[in-house]
Amino acid sequence: MSADKFLQQNDDLLSEEEKATTRSLLASLKTALTNTDKDVINKAIQDLNEYTAPLAHRAMDQTIAKAMKGKKL
């Protein structure tokens, strides 16, 4: 899953708490995927997305800042 890849790529950016929460939400989604109730699956997806969106934005901002360091616009 892309959340696993995100955790690997941004290990140094995330706190231990952020990594643990993301892993927990990811595990909940994986469990939900074994369920046939689409509402349970959608809720697990939504929970993971809501938590990780700010983390992804922070990671992107840091990547852009590194790429732009020393360059003038």
PDB file of N, CA and C in Angstrom:
ATOM      1  N   MET A   1       0.842  -1.182   0.000  1.00  0.00           N
ATOM      2  CA  MET A   1       0.000   0.000   0.000  1.00  0.00           C
ATOM      3  C   MET A   1       0.888   1.246   0.000  1.00  0.00           C
ATOM      4  N   SER A   2       0.356   2.308  -0.498  1.00  0.00           N
ATOM      5  CA  SER A   2       1.141   3.541  -0.585  1.00  0.00           C
ATOM      6  C   SER A   2       1.454   4.106   0.797  1.00  0.00           C
ATOM      7  N   ALA A   3       0.645   3.824   1.800  1.00  0.00           N
ATOM      8  CA  ALA A   3       0.934   4.300   3.155  1.00  0.00           C
ATOM      9  C   ALA A   3       2.215   3.658   3.684  1.00  0.00           C
ATOM     10  N   ASP A   4       2.423   2.389   3.373  1.00  0.00           N
ATOM     11  CA  ASP A   4       3.669   1.723   3.771  1.00  0.00           C
ATOM     12  C   ASP A   4       4.871   2.414   3.131  1.00  0.00           C
ATOM     13  N   LYS A   5       4.757   2.712   1.856  1.00  0.00           N
ATOM     14  CA  LYS A   5       5.835   3.375   1.128  1.00  0.00           C
ATOM     15  C   LYS A   5       6.072   4.778   1.697  1.00  0.00           C
ATOM     16  N   PHE A   6       4.991   5.482   2.014  1.00  0.00           N
ATOM     17  CA  PHE A   6       5.096   6.817   2.601  1.00  0.00           C
ATOM     18  C   PHE A   6       5.872   6.760   3.916  1.00  0.00           C
ATOM     19  N   LEU A   7       5.570   5.776   4.748  1.00  0.00           N
ATOM     20  CA  LEU A   7       6.271   5.637   6.018  1.00  0.00           C
ATOM     21  C   LEU A   7       7.758   5.398   5.804  1.00  0.00           C
ATOM     22  N   GLN A   8       8.095   4.566   4.840  1.00  0.00           N
ATOM     23  CA  GLN A   8       9.498   4.274   4.562  1.00  0.00           C
ATOM     24  C   GLN A   8      10.231   5.507   4.049  1.00  0.00           C
ATOM     25  N   GLN A   9       9.608   6.219   3.137  1.00  0.00           N
ATOM     26  CA  GLN A   9      10.263   7.369   2.507  1.00  0.00           C
ATOM     27  C   GLN A   9      10.405   8.559   3.450  1.00  0.00           C
ATOM     28  N   ASN A  10       9.551   8.629   4.457  1.00  0.00           N
ATOM     29  CA  ASN A  10       9.542   9.800   5.331  1.00  0.00           C
ATOM     30  C   ASN A  10       9.832   9.446   6.784  1.00  0.00           C
ATOM     31  N   ASP A  11      10.569   8.374   6.985  1.00  0.00           N
ATOM     32  CA  ASP A  11      10.862   7.899   8.335  1.00  0.00           C
ATOM     33  C   ASP A  11      11.491   8.981   9.203  1.00  0.00           C
ATOM     34  N   ASP A  12      12.415   9.754   8.639  1.00  0.00           N
ATOM     35  CA  ASP A  12      13.109  10.772   9.417  1.00  0.00           C
ATOM     36  C   ASP A  12      12.269  12.018   9.669  1.00  0.00           C
ATOM     37  N   LEU A  13      11.221  12.209   8.919  1.00  0.00           N
ATOM     38  CA  LEU A  13      10.364  13.386   9.048  1.00  0.00           C
ATOM     39  C   LEU A  13       9.275  13.192  10.101  1.00  0.00           C
ATOM     40  N   LEU A  14       8.838  11.953  10.290  1.00  0.00           N
ATOM     41  CA  LEU A  14       7.705  11.659  11.167  1.00  0.00           C
ATOM     42  C   LEU A  14       8.156  11.305  12.576  1.00  0.00           C
ATOM     43  N   SER A  15       7.345  11.727  13.549  1.00  0.00           N
ATOM     44  CA  SER A  15       7.620  11.349  14.937  1.00  0.00           C
ATOM     45  C   SER A  15       7.223   9.887  15.137  1.00  0.00           C
ATOM     46  N   GLU A  16       7.696   9.308  16.217  1.00  0.00           N
ATOM     47  CA  GLU A  16       7.341   7.919  16.519  1.00  0.00           C
ATOM     48  C   GLU A  16       5.828   7.784  16.693  1.00  0.00           C
ATOM     49  N   GLU A  17       5.208   8.779  17.305  1.00  0.00           N
ATOM     50  CA  GLU A  17       3.757   8.763  17.493  1.00  0.00           C
ATOM     51  C   GLU A  17       3.027   8.810  16.149  1.00  0.00           C
ATOM     52  N   GLU A  18       3.496   9.655  15.238  1.00  0.00           N
ATOM     53  CA  GLU A  18       2.866   9.741  13.913  1.00  0.00           C
ATOM     54  C   GLU A  18       3.001   8.429  13.154  1.00  0.00           C
ATOM     55  N   LYS A  19       4.179   7.816  13.256  1.00  0.00           N
ATOM     56  CA  LYS A  19       4.385   6.533  12.575  1.00  0.00           C
ATOM     57  C   LYS A  19       3.497   5.449  13.186  1.00  0.00           C
ATOM     58  N   ALA A  20       3.406   5.425  14.505  1.00  0.00           N
ATOM     59  CA  ALA A  20       2.585   4.412  15.177  1.00  0.00           C
ATOM     60  C   ALA A  20       1.107   4.590  14.838  1.00  0.00           C
ATOM     61  N   THR A  21       0.637   5.821  14.836  1.00  0.00           N
ATOM     62  CA  THR A  21      -0.769   6.083  14.510  1.00  0.00           C
ATOM     63  C   THR A  21      -1.056   5.708  13.065  1.00  0.00           C
ATOM     64  N   THR A  22      -0.155   6.048  12.171  1.00  0.00           N
ATOM     65  CA  THR A  22      -0.341   5.699  10.765  1.00  0.00           C
ATOM     66  C   THR A  22      -0.376   4.188  10.593  1.00  0.00           C
ATOM     67  N   ARG A  23       0.531   3.487  11.252  1.00  0.00           N
ATOM     68  CA  ARG A  23       0.541   2.014  11.170  1.00  0.00           C
ATOM     69  C   ARG A  23      -0.750   1.421  11.725  1.00  0.00           C
ATOM     70  N   SER A  24      -1.246   1.995  12.808  1.00  0.00           N
ATOM     71  CA  SER A  24      -2.485   1.510  13.415  1.00  0.00           C
ATOM     72  C   SER A  24      -3.673   1.712  12.476  1.00  0.00           C
ATOM     73  N   LEU A  25      -3.747   2.886  11.872  1.00  0.00           N
ATOM     74  CA  LEU A  25      -4.835   3.171  10.931  1.00  0.00           C
ATOM     75  C   LEU A  25      -4.721   2.297   9.685  1.00  0.00           C
ATOM     76  N   LEU A  26      -3.516   2.033   9.258  1.00  0.00           N
ATOM     77  CA  LEU A  26      -3.286   1.162   8.111  1.00  0.00           C
ATOM     78  C   LEU A  26      -3.720  -0.268   8.440  1.00  0.00           C
ATOM     79  N   ALA A  27      -3.396  -0.715   9.637  1.00  0.00           N
ATOM     80  CA  ALA A  27      -3.818  -2.060  10.065  1.00  0.00           C
ATOM     81  C   ALA A  27      -5.344  -2.147  10.125  1.00  0.00           C
ATOM     82  N   SER A  28      -5.980  -1.087  10.594  1.00  0.00           N
ATOM     83  CA  SER A  28      -7.441  -1.058  10.636  1.00  0.00           C
ATOM     84  C   SER A  28      -8.031  -1.143   9.227  1.00  0.00           C
ATOM     85  N   LEU A  29      -7.399  -0.459   8.287  1.00  0.00           N
ATOM     86  CA  LEU A  29      -7.872  -0.518   6.900  1.00  0.00           C
ATOM     87  C   LEU A  29      -7.691  -1.920   6.338  1.00  0.00           C
ATOM     88  N   LYS A  30      -6.553  -2.529   6.586  1.00  0.00           N
ATOM     89  CA  LYS A  30      -6.319  -3.885   6.086  1.00  0.00           C
ATOM     90  C   LYS A  30      -7.343  -4.857   6.662  1.00  0.00           C
ATOM     91  N   THR A  31      -7.683  -4.688   7.922  1.00  0.00           N
ATOM     92  CA  THR A  31      -8.714  -5.525   8.541  1.00  0.00           C
ATOM     93  C   THR A  31     -10.067  -5.242   7.905  1.00  0.00           C
ATOM     94  N   ALA A  32     -10.364  -3.978   7.682  1.00  0.00           N
ATOM     95  CA  ALA A  32     -11.652  -3.595   7.083  1.00  0.00           C
ATOM     96  C   ALA A  32     -11.801  -4.171   5.681  1.00  0.00           C
ATOM     97  N   LEU A  33     -10.702  -4.310   4.969  1.00  0.00           N
ATOM     98  CA  LEU A  33     -10.767  -4.831   3.604  1.00  0.00           C
ATOM     99  C   LEU A  33     -11.206  -6.293   3.555  1.00  0.00           C
ATOM    100  N   THR A  34     -11.123  -6.986   4.685  1.00  0.00           N
ATOM    101  CA  THR A  34     -11.610  -8.362   4.740  1.00  0.00           C
ATOM    102  C   THR A  34     -13.113  -8.403   5.004  1.00  0.00           C
ATOM    103  N   ASN A  35     -13.688  -7.261   5.258  1.00  0.00           N
ATOM    104  CA  ASN A  35     -15.107  -7.113   5.560  1.00  0.00           C
ATOM    105  C   ASN A  35     -15.870  -6.819   4.264  1.00  0.00           C
ATOM    106  N   THR A  36     -17.096  -7.243   4.195  1.00  0.00           N
ATOM    107  CA  THR A  36     -17.898  -6.956   2.999  1.00  0.00           C
ATOM    108  C   THR A  36     -18.729  -5.692   3.149  1.00  0.00           C
ATOM    109  N   ASP A  37     -18.652  -5.052   4.303  1.00  0.00           N
ATOM    110  CA  ASP A  37     -19.426  -3.824   4.550  1.00  0.00           C
ATOM    111  C   ASP A  37     -18.651  -2.628   4.000  1.00  0.00           C
ATOM    112  N   LYS A  38     -19.148  -2.074   2.913  1.00  0.00           N
ATOM    113  CA  LYS A  38     -18.438  -0.967   2.265  1.00  0.00           C
ATOM    114  C   LYS A  38     -18.332   0.256   3.166  1.00  0.00           C
ATOM    115  N   ASP A  39     -19.284   0.448   4.067  1.00  0.00           N
ATOM    116  CA  ASP A  39     -19.218   1.594   4.973  1.00  0.00           C
ATOM    117  C   ASP A  39     -18.042   1.468   5.942  1.00  0.00           C
ATOM    118  N   VAL A  40     -17.759   0.262   6.392  1.00  0.00           N
ATOM    119  CA  VAL A  40     -16.623   0.026   7.279  1.00  0.00           C
ATOM    120  C   VAL A  40     -15.324   0.295   6.522  1.00  0.00           C
ATOM    121  N   ILE A  41     -15.253  -0.183   5.291  1.00  0.00           N
ATOM    122  CA  ILE A  41     -14.064   0.032   4.459  1.00  0.00           C
ATOM    123  C   ILE A  41     -13.873   1.524   4.180  1.00  0.00           C
ATOM    124  N   ASN A  42     -14.936   2.199   3.776  1.00  0.00           N
ATOM    125  CA  ASN A  42     -14.842   3.630   3.481  1.00  0.00           C
ATOM    126  C   ASN A  42     -14.442   4.436   4.712  1.00  0.00           C
ATOM    127  N   LYS A  43     -14.943   4.069   5.885  1.00  0.00           N
ATOM    128  CA  LYS A  43     -14.597   4.779   7.120  1.00  0.00           C
ATOM    129  C   LYS A  43     -13.111   4.593   7.425  1.00  0.00           C
ATOM    130  N   ALA A  44     -12.595   3.387   7.242  1.00  0.00           N
ATOM    131  CA  ALA A  44     -11.178   3.133   7.498  1.00  0.00           C
ATOM    132  C   ALA A  44     -10.301   3.925   6.522  1.00  0.00           C
ATOM    133  N   ILE A  45     -10.715   3.994   5.263  1.00  0.00           N
ATOM    134  CA  ILE A  45      -9.987   4.792   4.261  1.00  0.00           C
ATOM    135  C   ILE A  45     -10.007   6.262   4.652  1.00  0.00           C
ATOM    136  N   GLN A  46     -11.175   6.748   5.026  1.00  0.00           N
ATOM    137  CA  GLN A  46     -11.326   8.155   5.407  1.00  0.00           C
ATOM    138  C   GLN A  46     -10.467   8.488   6.625  1.00  0.00           C
ATOM    139  N   ASP A  47     -10.474   7.623   7.633  1.00  0.00           N
ATOM    140  CA  ASP A  47      -9.673   7.859   8.837  1.00  0.00           C
ATOM    141  C   ASP A  47      -8.180   7.944   8.497  1.00  0.00           C
ATOM    142  N   LEU A  48      -7.708   7.015   7.674  1.00  0.00           N
ATOM    143  CA  LEU A  48      -6.298   7.020   7.277  1.00  0.00           C
ATOM    144  C   LEU A  48      -5.974   8.277   6.477  1.00  0.00           C
ATOM    145  N   ASN A  49      -6.811   8.613   5.517  1.00  0.00           N
ATOM    146  CA  ASN A  49      -6.569   9.802   4.688  1.00  0.00           C
ATOM    147  C   ASN A  49      -6.577  11.086   5.503  1.00  0.00           C
ATOM    148  N   GLU A  50      -7.536  11.213   6.422  1.00  0.00           N
ATOM    149  CA  GLU A  50      -7.626  12.432   7.228  1.00  0.00           C
ATOM    150  C   GLU A  50      -6.401  12.609   8.118  1.00  0.00           C
ATOM    151  N   TYR A  51      -5.893  11.503   8.642  1.00  0.00           N
ATOM    152  CA  TYR A  51      -4.731  11.612   9.515  1.00  0.00           C
ATOM    153  C   TYR A  51      -3.449  11.877   8.726  1.00  0.00           C
ATOM    154  N   THR A  52      -3.308  11.210   7.595  1.00  0.00           N
ATOM    155  CA  THR A  52      -2.041  11.301   6.865  1.00  0.00           C
ATOM    156  C   THR A  52      -1.946  12.496   5.911  1.00  0.00           C
ATOM    157  N   ALA A  53      -3.051  13.105   5.554  1.00  0.00           N
ATOM    158  CA  ALA A  53      -2.995  14.244   4.619  1.00  0.00           C
ATOM    159  C   ALA A  53      -2.070  15.353   5.122  1.00  0.00           C
ATOM    160  N   PRO A  54      -2.188  15.804   6.368  1.00  0.00           N
ATOM    161  CA  PRO A  54      -1.267  16.850   6.832  1.00  0.00           C
ATOM    162  C   PRO A  54       0.192  16.380   6.855  1.00  0.00           C
ATOM    163  N   LEU A  55       0.402  15.105   7.123  1.00  0.00           N
ATOM    164  CA  LEU A  55       1.766  14.573   7.127  1.00  0.00           C
ATOM    165  C   LEU A  55       2.338  14.592   5.714  1.00  0.00           C
ATOM    166  N   ALA A  56       1.522  14.231   4.741  1.00  0.00           N
ATOM    167  CA  ALA A  56       1.958  14.237   3.344  1.00  0.00           C
ATOM    168  C   ALA A  56       2.255  15.661   2.878  1.00  0.00           C
ATOM    169  N   HIS A  57       1.442  16.609   3.304  1.00  0.00           N
ATOM    170  CA  HIS A  57       1.684  18.014   2.941  1.00  0.00           C
ATOM    171  C   HIS A  57       3.005  18.489   3.531  1.00  0.00           C
ATOM    172  N   ARG A  58       3.262  18.118   4.773  1.00  0.00           N
ATOM    173  CA  ARG A  58       4.514  18.505   5.418  1.00  0.00           C
ATOM    174  C   ARG A  58       5.703  17.885   4.694  1.00  0.00           C
ATOM    175  N   ALA A  59       5.580  16.624   4.308  1.00  0.00           N
ATOM    176  CA  ALA A  59       6.655  15.943   3.584  1.00  0.00           C
ATOM    177  C   ALA A  59       6.894  16.615   2.234  1.00  0.00           C
ATOM    178  N   MET A  60       5.833  16.981   1.548  1.00  0.00           N
ATOM    179  CA  MET A  60       5.970  17.631   0.247  1.00  0.00           C
ATOM    180  C   MET A  60       6.616  19.003   0.405  1.00  0.00           C
ATOM    181  N   ASP A  61       6.198  19.750   1.409  1.00  0.00           N
ATOM    182  CA  ASP A  61       6.796  21.063   1.652  1.00  0.00           C
ATOM    183  C   ASP A  61       8.294  20.950   1.906  1.00  0.00           C
ATOM    184  N   GLN A  62       8.683  19.937   2.672  1.00  0.00           N
ATOM    185  CA  GLN A  62      10.097  19.758   2.971  1.00  0.00           C
ATOM    186  C   GLN A  62      10.873  19.352   1.713  1.00  0.00           C
ATOM    187  N   THR A  63      10.293  18.510   0.886  1.00  0.00           N
ATOM    188  CA  THR A  63      10.938  18.090  -0.356  1.00  0.00           C
ATOM    189  C   THR A  63      11.122  19.282  -1.290  1.00  0.00           C
ATOM    190  N   ILE A  64      10.103  20.116  -1.381  1.00  0.00           N
ATOM    191  CA  ILE A  64      10.188  21.313  -2.235  1.00  0.00           C
ATOM    192  C   ILE A  64      11.246  22.272  -1.688  1.00  0.00           C
ATOM    193  N   ALA A  65      11.261  22.455  -0.381  1.00  0.00           N
ATOM    194  CA  ALA A  65      12.246  23.355   0.222  1.00  0.00           C
ATOM    195  C   ALA A  65      13.670  22.877  -0.057  1.00  0.00           C
ATOM    196  N   LYS A  66      13.896  21.571   0.031  1.00  0.00           N
ATOM    197  CA  LYS A  66      15.225  21.026  -0.259  1.00  0.00           C
ATOM    198  C   LYS A  66      15.583  21.238  -1.730  1.00  0.00           C
ATOM    199  N   ALA A  67      14.612  21.027  -2.618  1.00  0.00           N
ATOM    200  CA  ALA A  67      14.863  21.182  -4.052  1.00  0.00           C
ATOM    201  C   ALA A  67      15.143  22.638  -4.421  1.00  0.00           C
ATOM    202  N   MET A  68      14.528  23.556  -3.719  1.00  0.00           N
ATOM    203  CA  MET A  68      14.661  24.979  -4.052  1.00  0.00           C
ATOM    204  C   MET A  68      15.814  25.661  -3.318  1.00  0.00           C
ATOM    205  N   LYS A  69      16.427  24.978  -2.359  1.00  0.00           N
ATOM    206  CA  LYS A  69      17.479  25.589  -1.564  1.00  0.00           C
ATOM    207  C   LYS A  69      18.608  26.098  -2.467  1.00  0.00           C
ATOM    208  N   GLY A  70      18.920  27.368  -2.299  1.00  0.00           N
ATOM    209  CA  GLY A  70      19.996  27.976  -3.060  1.00  0.00           C
ATOM    210  C   GLY A  70      19.590  28.453  -4.443  1.00  0.00           C
ATOM    211  N   LYS A  71      18.329  28.325  -4.790  1.00  0.00           N
ATOM    212  CA  LYS A  71      17.867  28.755  -6.114  1.00  0.00           C
ATOM    213  C   LYS A  71      17.029  30.014  -5.964  1.00  0.00           C
ATOM    214  N   LYS A  72      17.084  30.862  -6.970  1.00  0.00           N
ATOM    215  CA  LYS A  72      16.291  32.088  -6.976  1.00  0.00           C
ATOM    216  C   LYS A  72      15.147  31.937  -7.943  1.00  0.00           C
ATOM    217  N   LEU A  73      14.024  32.491  -7.570  1.00  0.00           N
ATOM    218  CA  LEU A  73      12.844  32.477  -8.466  1.00  0.00           C
ATOM    219  C   LEU A  73      12.733  33.774  -9.216  1.00  0.00           C
TER     220      LEU A  73
END
